[in-house]
Amino acid sequence: VPIIAPGTIASFDKFAIGENVVAGNAMARRSFYAF
């Protein structure tokens, strides 16, 4: 089962995971408010 995605695999991994880790605590707190 292939998984097809935009960008290189390294780039997709970087942005998919990094967005929720690098600023994860701050983003979580803001998300509780916004959502």
PDB file of all heavy atoms in Angstrom:
ATOM      1  N   VAL A   1       0.860  -1.192   0.000  1.00  0.00           N
ATOM      2  CA  VAL A   1       0.000   0.000   0.000  1.00  0.00           C
ATOM      3  C   VAL A   1       0.891   1.236   0.000  1.00  0.00           C
ATOM      4  O   VAL A   1       1.464   1.591   1.041  1.00  0.00           O
ATOM      5  CB  VAL A   1      -0.945   0.020   1.212  1.00  0.00           C
ATOM      6  CG1 VAL A   1      -1.813   1.283   1.182  1.00  0.00           C
ATOM      7  CG2 VAL A   1      -1.827  -1.223   1.241  1.00  0.00           C
ATOM      8  N   PRO A   2       1.047   1.903  -1.131  1.00  0.00           N
ATOM      9  CA  PRO A   2       1.831   3.143  -1.139  1.00  0.00           C
ATOM     10  C   PRO A   2       1.078   4.283  -0.469  1.00  0.00           C
ATOM     11  O   PRO A   2      -0.158   4.303  -0.453  1.00  0.00           O
ATOM     12  CB  PRO A   2       2.024   3.410  -2.637  1.00  0.00           C
ATOM     13  CG  PRO A   2       0.826   2.781  -3.279  1.00  0.00           C
ATOM     14  CD  PRO A   2       0.511   1.559  -2.462  1.00  0.00           C
ATOM     15  N   ILE A   3       1.812   5.218   0.095  1.00  0.00           N
ATOM     16  CA  ILE A   3       1.237   6.460   0.602  1.00  0.00           C
ATOM     17  C   ILE A   3       1.827   7.592  -0.228  1.00  0.00           C
ATOM     18  O   ILE A   3       3.045   7.821  -0.217  1.00  0.00           O
ATOM     19  CB  ILE A   3       1.537   6.668   2.095  1.00  0.00           C
ATOM     20  CG1 ILE A   3       0.892   5.555   2.924  1.00  0.00           C
ATOM     21  CG2 ILE A   3       1.026   8.038   2.547  1.00  0.00           C
ATOM     22  CD1 ILE A   3       1.100   5.689   4.426  1.00  0.00           C
ATOM     23  N   ILE A   4       0.967   8.252  -0.953  1.00  0.00           N
ATOM     24  CA  ILE A   4       1.369   9.295  -1.898  1.00  0.00           C
ATOM     25  C   ILE A   4       1.137  10.655  -1.243  1.00  0.00           C
ATOM     26  O   ILE A   4       0.084  10.897  -0.654  1.00  0.00           O
ATOM     27  CB  ILE A   4       0.549   9.183  -3.198  1.00  0.00           C
ATOM     28  CG1 ILE A   4       0.701   7.771  -3.787  1.00  0.00           C
ATOM     29  CG2 ILE A   4       0.965  10.241  -4.210  1.00  0.00           C
ATOM     30  CD1 ILE A   4      -0.303   7.459  -4.889  1.00  0.00           C
ATOM     31  N   ALA A   5       2.117  11.546  -1.353  1.00  0.00           N
ATOM     32  CA  ALA A   5       2.007  12.838  -0.673  1.00  0.00           C
ATOM     33  C   ALA A   5       2.809  13.890  -1.420  1.00  0.00           C
ATOM     34  O   ALA A   5       3.740  13.569  -2.162  1.00  0.00           O
ATOM     35  CB  ALA A   5       2.508  12.721   0.765  1.00  0.00           C
ATOM     36  N   PRO A   6       2.486  15.166  -1.219  1.00  0.00           N
ATOM     37  CA  PRO A   6       3.221  16.249  -1.881  1.00  0.00           C
ATOM     38  C   PRO A   6       4.574  16.498  -1.239  1.00  0.00           C
ATOM     39  O   PRO A   6       4.747  16.348  -0.025  1.00  0.00           O
ATOM     40  CB  PRO A   6       2.294  17.456  -1.705  1.00  0.00           C
ATOM     41  CG  PRO A   6       1.537  17.160  -0.447  1.00  0.00           C
ATOM     42  CD  PRO A   6       1.343  15.675  -0.430  1.00  0.00           C
ATOM     43  N   GLY A   7       5.546  16.900  -2.062  1.00  0.00           N
ATOM     44  CA  GLY A   7       6.880  17.187  -1.565  1.00  0.00           C
ATOM     45  C   GLY A   7       7.707  15.926  -1.439  1.00  0.00           C
ATOM     46  O   GLY A   7       7.216  14.810  -1.640  1.00  0.00           O
ATOM     47  N   THR A   8       8.966  16.098  -1.129  1.00  0.00           N
ATOM     48  CA  THR A   8       9.801  14.933  -0.865  1.00  0.00           C
ATOM     49  C   THR A   8       9.358  14.283   0.435  1.00  0.00           C
ATOM     50  O   THR A   8       8.692  14.910   1.273  1.00  0.00           O
ATOM     51  CB  THR A   8      11.273  15.327  -0.756  1.00  0.00           C
ATOM     52  OG1 THR A   8      11.440  16.155   0.406  1.00  0.00           O
ATOM     53  CG2 THR A   8      11.745  16.073  -2.008  1.00  0.00           C
ATOM     54  N   ILE A   9       9.722  13.045   0.628  1.00  0.00           N
ATOM     55  CA  ILE A   9       9.370  12.356   1.869  1.00  0.00           C
ATOM     56  C   ILE A   9       9.965  13.088   3.066  1.00  0.00           C
ATOM     57  O   ILE A   9       9.295  13.307   4.080  1.00  0.00           O
ATOM     58  CB  ILE A   9       9.834  10.895   1.818  1.00  0.00           C
ATOM     59  CG1 ILE A   9       9.046  10.132   0.747  1.00  0.00           C
ATOM     60  CG2 ILE A   9       9.663  10.224   3.184  1.00  0.00           C
ATOM     61  CD1 ILE A   9       9.550   8.744   0.470  1.00  0.00           C
ATOM     62  N   ALA A  10      11.218  13.514   2.946  1.00  0.00           N
ATOM     63  CA  ALA A  10      11.862  14.233   4.048  1.00  0.00           C
ATOM     64  C   ALA A  10      11.146  15.541   4.348  1.00  0.00           C
ATOM     65  O   ALA A  10      10.960  15.912   5.520  1.00  0.00           O
ATOM     66  CB  ALA A  10      13.323  14.502   3.705  1.00  0.00           C
ATOM     67  N   SER A  11      10.735  16.251   3.299  1.00  0.00           N
ATOM     68  CA  SER A  11      10.045  17.522   3.499  1.00  0.00           C
ATOM     69  C   SER A  11       8.675  17.303   4.133  1.00  0.00           C
ATOM     70  O   SER A  11       8.278  18.027   5.056  1.00  0.00           O
ATOM     71  CB  SER A  11       9.904  18.256   2.168  1.00  0.00           C
ATOM     72  OG  SER A  11       9.190  19.452   2.328  1.00  0.00           O
ATOM     73  N   PHE A  12       7.937  16.303   3.649  1.00  0.00           N
ATOM     74  CA  PHE A  12       6.617  16.042   4.217  1.00  0.00           C
ATOM     75  C   PHE A  12       6.745  15.661   5.686  1.00  0.00           C
ATOM     76  O   PHE A  12       6.010  16.182   6.542  1.00  0.00           O
ATOM     77  CB  PHE A  12       5.900  14.942   3.435  1.00  0.00           C
ATOM     78  CG  PHE A  12       4.424  14.872   3.735  1.00  0.00           C
ATOM     79  CD1 PHE A  12       3.511  15.545   2.948  1.00  0.00           C
ATOM     80  CD2 PHE A  12       3.951  14.144   4.826  1.00  0.00           C
ATOM     81  CE1 PHE A  12       2.149  15.504   3.227  1.00  0.00           C
ATOM     82  CE2 PHE A  12       2.597  14.101   5.129  1.00  0.00           C
ATOM     83  CZ  PHE A  12       1.691  14.774   4.322  1.00  0.00           C
ATOM     84  N   ASP A  13       7.671  14.764   5.999  1.00  0.00           N
ATOM     85  CA  ASP A  13       7.886  14.376   7.394  1.00  0.00           C
ATOM     86  C   ASP A  13       8.227  15.589   8.258  1.00  0.00           C
ATOM     87  O   ASP A  13       7.703  15.760   9.363  1.00  0.00           O
ATOM     88  CB  ASP A  13       9.029  13.371   7.490  1.00  0.00           C
ATOM     89  CG  ASP A  13       8.641  11.961   7.067  1.00  0.00           C
ATOM     90  OD1 ASP A  13       7.437  11.687   6.939  1.00  0.00           O
ATOM     91  OD2 ASP A  13       9.552  11.141   6.871  1.00  0.00           O
ATOM     92  N   LYS A  14       9.111  16.417   7.745  1.00  0.00           N
ATOM     93  CA  LYS A  14       9.567  17.586   8.502  1.00  0.00           C
ATOM     94  C   LYS A  14       8.395  18.484   8.894  1.00  0.00           C
ATOM     95  O   LYS A  14       8.268  18.900  10.058  1.00  0.00           O
ATOM     96  CB  LYS A  14      10.575  18.369   7.662  1.00  0.00           C
ATOM     97  CG  LYS A  14      10.952  19.730   8.238  1.00  0.00           C
ATOM     98  CD  LYS A  14      11.840  20.502   7.270  1.00  0.00           C
ATOM     99  CE  LYS A  14      12.088  21.927   7.752  1.00  0.00           C
ATOM    100  NZ  LYS A  14      12.912  22.693   6.784  1.00  0.00           N
ATOM    101  N   PHE A  15       7.536  18.784   7.919  1.00  0.00           N
ATOM    102  CA  PHE A  15       6.452  19.729   8.204  1.00  0.00           C
ATOM    103  C   PHE A  15       5.288  19.070   8.930  1.00  0.00           C
ATOM    104  O   PHE A  15       4.653  19.690   9.783  1.00  0.00           O
ATOM    105  CB  PHE A  15       5.982  20.391   6.911  1.00  0.00           C
ATOM    106  CG  PHE A  15       6.984  21.356   6.342  1.00  0.00           C
ATOM    107  CD1 PHE A  15       7.604  21.112   5.125  1.00  0.00           C
ATOM    108  CD2 PHE A  15       7.321  22.503   7.027  1.00  0.00           C
ATOM    109  CE1 PHE A  15       8.536  21.999   4.604  1.00  0.00           C
ATOM    110  CE2 PHE A  15       8.250  23.398   6.519  1.00  0.00           C
ATOM    111  CZ  PHE A  15       8.858  23.140   5.307  1.00  0.00           C
ATOM    112  N   ALA A  16       5.005  17.802   8.609  1.00  0.00           N
ATOM    113  CA  ALA A  16       3.893  17.120   9.263  1.00  0.00           C
ATOM    114  C   ALA A  16       4.173  16.906  10.746  1.00  0.00           C
ATOM    115  O   ALA A  16       3.299  17.135  11.594  1.00  0.00           O
ATOM    116  CB  ALA A  16       3.622  15.781   8.574  1.00  0.00           C
ATOM    117  N   ILE A  17       5.374  16.463  11.060  1.00  0.00           N
ATOM    118  CA  ILE A  17       5.708  16.158  12.445  1.00  0.00           C
ATOM    119  C   ILE A  17       6.195  17.410  13.179  1.00  0.00           C
ATOM    120  O   ILE A  17       5.790  17.684  14.308  1.00  0.00           O
ATOM    121  CB  ILE A  17       6.774  15.053  12.507  1.00  0.00           C
ATOM    122  CG1 ILE A  17       6.227  13.767  11.860  1.00  0.00           C
ATOM    123  CG2 ILE A  17       7.185  14.774  13.945  1.00  0.00           C
ATOM    124  CD1 ILE A  17       7.265  12.684  11.672  1.00  0.00           C
ATOM    125  N   GLY A  18       7.051  18.171  12.509  1.00  0.00           N
ATOM    126  CA  GLY A  18       7.669  19.309  13.168  1.00  0.00           C
ATOM    127  C   GLY A  18       6.684  20.341  13.657  1.00  0.00           C
ATOM    128  O   GLY A  18       6.856  20.935  14.728  1.00  0.00           O
ATOM    129  N   GLU A  19       5.607  20.571  12.891  1.00  0.00           N
ATOM    130  CA  GLU A  19       4.635  21.588  13.284  1.00  0.00           C
ATOM    131  C   GLU A  19       4.033  21.288  14.644  1.00  0.00           C
ATOM    132  O   GLU A  19       3.715  22.190  15.413  1.00  0.00           O
ATOM    133  CB  GLU A  19       3.520  21.663  12.232  1.00  0.00           C
ATOM    134  CG  GLU A  19       2.448  22.679  12.556  1.00  0.00           C
ATOM    135  CD  GLU A  19       1.404  22.822  11.473  1.00  0.00           C
ATOM    136  OE1 GLU A  19       0.413  22.077  11.518  1.00  0.00           O
ATOM    137  OE2 GLU A  19       1.585  23.661  10.586  1.00  0.00           O
ATOM    138  N   ASN A  20       3.884  19.993  14.959  1.00  0.00           N
ATOM    139  CA  ASN A  20       3.235  19.602  16.201  1.00  0.00           C
ATOM    140  C   ASN A  20       4.217  19.295  17.325  1.00  0.00           C
ATOM    141  O   ASN A  20       3.803  18.946  18.422  1.00  0.00           O
ATOM    142  CB  ASN A  20       2.357  18.372  15.942  1.00  0.00           C
ATOM    143  CG  ASN A  20       1.284  18.658  14.917  1.00  0.00           C
ATOM    144  OD1 ASN A  20       0.326  19.345  15.195  1.00  0.00           O
ATOM    145  ND2 ASN A  20       1.468  18.153  13.703  1.00  0.00           N
ATOM    146  N   VAL A  21       5.521  19.403  17.050  1.00  0.00           N
ATOM    147  CA  VAL A  21       6.529  19.078  18.059  1.00  0.00           C
ATOM    148  C   VAL A  21       7.330  20.314  18.446  1.00  0.00           C
ATOM    149  O   VAL A  21       7.452  20.651  19.627  1.00  0.00           O
ATOM    150  CB  VAL A  21       7.466  17.963  17.549  1.00  0.00           C
ATOM    151  CG1 VAL A  21       8.592  17.726  18.551  1.00  0.00           C
ATOM    152  CG2 VAL A  21       6.675  16.671  17.323  1.00  0.00           C
ATOM    153  N   VAL A  22       7.872  21.010  17.454  1.00  0.00           N
ATOM    154  CA  VAL A  22       8.764  22.135  17.735  1.00  0.00           C
ATOM    155  C   VAL A  22       8.071  23.197  18.590  1.00  0.00           C
ATOM    156  O   VAL A  22       8.646  23.722  19.545  1.00  0.00           O
ATOM    157  CB  VAL A  22       9.274  22.755  16.414  1.00  0.00           C
ATOM    158  CG1 VAL A  22      10.093  23.993  16.688  1.00  0.00           C
ATOM    159  CG2 VAL A  22      10.111  21.725  15.651  1.00  0.00           C
ATOM    160  N   ALA A  23       6.828  23.505  18.258  1.00  0.00           N
ATOM    161  CA  ALA A  23       6.052  24.470  19.051  1.00  0.00           C
ATOM    162  C   ALA A  23       4.816  23.794  19.627  1.00  0.00           C
ATOM    163  O   ALA A  23       3.765  24.419  19.795  1.00  0.00           O
ATOM    164  CB  ALA A  23       5.662  25.663  18.189  1.00  0.00           C
ATOM    165  N   GLY A  24       4.950  22.520  19.967  1.00  0.00           N
ATOM    166  CA  GLY A  24       3.784  21.722  20.346  1.00  0.00           C
ATOM    167  C   GLY A  24       3.042  22.234  21.553  1.00  0.00           C
ATOM    168  O   GLY A  24       1.813  22.319  21.548  1.00  0.00           O
ATOM    169  N   ASN A  25       3.753  22.585  22.631  1.00  0.00           N
ATOM    170  CA  ASN A  25       3.070  23.064  23.835  1.00  0.00           C
ATOM    171  C   ASN A  25       2.326  24.364  23.571  1.00  0.00           C
ATOM    172  O   ASN A  25       1.168  24.542  23.979  1.00  0.00           O
ATOM    173  CB  ASN A  25       4.075  23.255  24.967  1.00  0.00           C
ATOM    174  CG  ASN A  25       4.522  21.933  25.574  1.00  0.00           C
ATOM    175  OD1 ASN A  25       3.933  20.895  25.301  1.00  0.00           O
ATOM    176  ND2 ASN A  25       5.561  21.972  26.381  1.00  0.00           N
ATOM    177  N   ALA A  26       2.985  25.293  22.925  1.00  0.00           N
ATOM    178  CA  ALA A  26       2.354  26.583  22.640  1.00  0.00           C
ATOM    179  C   ALA A  26       1.161  26.396  21.713  1.00  0.00           C
ATOM    180  O   ALA A  26       0.093  26.993  21.917  1.00  0.00           O
ATOM    181  CB  ALA A  26       3.370  27.536  22.010  1.00  0.00           C
ATOM    182  N   MET A  27       1.327  25.564  20.690  1.00  0.00           N
ATOM    183  CA  MET A  27       0.244  25.344  19.736  1.00  0.00           C
ATOM    184  C   MET A  27      -0.955  24.659  20.398  1.00  0.00           C
ATOM    185  O   MET A  27      -2.107  25.001  20.122  1.00  0.00           O
ATOM    186  CB  MET A  27       0.743  24.520  18.550  1.00  0.00           C
ATOM    187  CG  MET A  27      -0.275  24.393  17.443  1.00  0.00           C
ATOM    188  SD  MET A  27       0.318  23.386  16.067  1.00  0.00           S
ATOM    189  CE  MET A  27       1.680  24.400  15.483  1.00  0.00           C
ATOM    190  N   ALA A  28      -0.677  23.708  21.292  1.00  0.00           N
ATOM    191  CA  ALA A  28      -1.765  23.017  21.970  1.00  0.00           C
ATOM    192  C   ALA A  28      -2.591  23.997  22.803  1.00  0.00           C
ATOM    193  O   ALA A  28      -3.822  23.992  22.753  1.00  0.00           O
ATOM    194  CB  ALA A  28      -1.213  21.907  22.852  1.00  0.00           C
ATOM    195  N   ARG A  29      -1.901  24.839  23.549  1.00  0.00           N
ATOM    196  CA  ARG A  29      -2.599  25.806  24.397  1.00  0.00           C
ATOM    197  C   ARG A  29      -3.452  26.756  23.545  1.00  0.00           C
ATOM    198  O   ARG A  29      -4.608  27.025  23.849  1.00  0.00           O
ATOM    199  CB  ARG A  29      -1.574  26.594  25.213  1.00  0.00           C
ATOM    200  CG  ARG A  29      -2.143  27.736  26.037  1.00  0.00           C
ATOM    201  CD  ARG A  29      -3.000  27.240  27.181  1.00  0.00           C
ATOM    202  NE  ARG A  29      -3.459  28.362  27.990  1.00  0.00           N
ATOM    203  CZ  ARG A  29      -4.446  28.289  28.846  1.00  0.00           C
ATOM    204  NH1 ARG A  29      -5.090  27.159  29.021  1.00  0.00           N
ATOM    205  NH2 ARG A  29      -4.808  29.345  29.540  1.00  0.00           N
ATOM    206  N   ARG A  30      -2.877  27.257  22.479  1.00  0.00           N
ATOM    207  CA  ARG A  30      -3.619  28.156  21.598  1.00  0.00           C
ATOM    208  C   ARG A  30      -4.792  27.430  20.938  1.00  0.00           C
ATOM    209  O   ARG A  30      -5.865  28.017  20.742  1.00  0.00           O
ATOM    210  CB  ARG A  30      -2.680  28.735  20.546  1.00  0.00           C
ATOM    211  CG  ARG A  30      -1.632  29.692  21.115  1.00  0.00           C
ATOM    212  CD  ARG A  30      -0.460  29.899  20.180  1.00  0.00           C
ATOM    213  NE  ARG A  30      -0.837  30.608  18.980  1.00  0.00           N
ATOM    214  CZ  ARG A  30      -0.369  31.797  18.619  1.00  0.00           C
ATOM    215  NH1 ARG A  30       0.516  32.407  19.384  1.00  0.00           N
ATOM    216  NH2 ARG A  30      -0.747  32.370  17.508  1.00  0.00           N
ATOM    217  N   SER A  31      -4.593  26.165  20.609  1.00  0.00           N
ATOM    218  CA  SER A  31      -5.660  25.396  19.966  1.00  0.00           C
ATOM    219  C   SER A  31      -6.837  25.182  20.908  1.00  0.00           C
ATOM    220  O   SER A  31      -7.993  25.189  20.479  1.00  0.00           O
ATOM    221  CB  SER A  31      -5.123  24.042  19.492  1.00  0.00           C
ATOM    222  OG  SER A  31      -4.186  24.215  18.447  1.00  0.00           O
ATOM    223  N   PHE A  32      -6.568  24.952  22.213  1.00  0.00           N
ATOM    224  CA  PHE A  32      -7.668  24.798  23.158  1.00  0.00           C
ATOM    225  C   PHE A  32      -8.549  26.038  23.169  1.00  0.00           C
ATOM    226  O   PHE A  32      -9.773  25.948  23.288  1.00  0.00           O
ATOM    227  CB  PHE A  32      -7.131  24.563  24.581  1.00  0.00           C
ATOM    228  CG  PHE A  32      -6.310  23.315  24.746  1.00  0.00           C
ATOM    229  CD1 PHE A  32      -5.306  23.258  25.699  1.00  0.00           C
ATOM    230  CD2 PHE A  32      -6.531  22.205  23.950  1.00  0.00           C
ATOM    231  CE1 PHE A  32      -4.535  22.109  25.856  1.00  0.00           C
ATOM    232  CE2 PHE A  32      -5.768  21.051  24.102  1.00  0.00           C
ATOM    233  CZ  PHE A  32      -4.771  21.006  25.056  1.00  0.00           C
ATOM    234  N   TYR A  33      -7.930  27.204  23.054  1.00  0.00           N
ATOM    235  CA  TYR A  33      -8.687  28.451  22.983  1.00  0.00           C
ATOM    236  C   TYR A  33      -9.426  28.566  21.641  1.00  0.00           C
ATOM    237  O   TYR A  33     -10.638  28.774  21.595  1.00  0.00           O
ATOM    238  CB  TYR A  33      -7.740  29.641  23.160  1.00  0.00           C
ATOM    239  CG  TYR A  33      -7.673  30.199  24.564  1.00  0.00           C
ATOM    240  CD1 TYR A  33      -7.476  29.368  25.665  1.00  0.00           C
ATOM    241  CD2 TYR A  33      -7.799  31.559  24.789  1.00  0.00           C
ATOM    242  CE1 TYR A  33      -7.416  29.887  26.944  1.00  0.00           C
ATOM    243  CE2 TYR A  33      -7.737  32.087  26.071  1.00  0.00           C
ATOM    244  CZ  TYR A  33      -7.553  31.254  27.143  1.00  0.00           C
ATOM    245  OH  TYR A  33      -7.498  31.774  28.413  1.00  0.00           O
ATOM    246  N   ALA A  34      -8.683  28.447  20.551  1.00  0.00           N
ATOM    247  CA  ALA A  34      -9.266  28.719  19.236  1.00  0.00           C
ATOM    248  C   ALA A  34     -10.361  27.735  18.860  1.00  0.00           C
ATOM    249  O   ALA A  34     -11.359  28.110  18.238  1.00  0.00           O
ATOM    250  CB  ALA A  34      -8.162  28.719  18.168  1.00  0.00           C
ATOM    251  N   PHE A  35     -10.196  26.462  19.240  1.00  0.00           N
ATOM    252  CA  PHE A  35     -11.154  25.441  18.837  1.00  0.00           C
ATOM    253  C   PHE A  35     -12.088  25.025  19.966  1.00  0.00           C
ATOM    254  O   PHE A  35     -12.767  24.004  19.871  1.00  0.00           O
ATOM    255  CB  PHE A  35     -10.424  24.223  18.272  1.00  0.00           C
ATOM    256  CG  PHE A  35      -9.651  24.532  17.025  1.00  0.00           C
ATOM    257  CD1 PHE A  35      -8.322  24.183  16.909  1.00  0.00           C
ATOM    258  CD2 PHE A  35     -10.244  25.195  15.963  1.00  0.00           C
ATOM    259  CE1 PHE A  35      -7.592  24.470  15.755  1.00  0.00           C
ATOM    260  CE2 PHE A  35      -9.531  25.497  14.812  1.00  0.00           C
ATOM    261  CZ  PHE A  35      -8.212  25.135  14.703  1.00  0.00           C
TER     262      PHE A  35
END
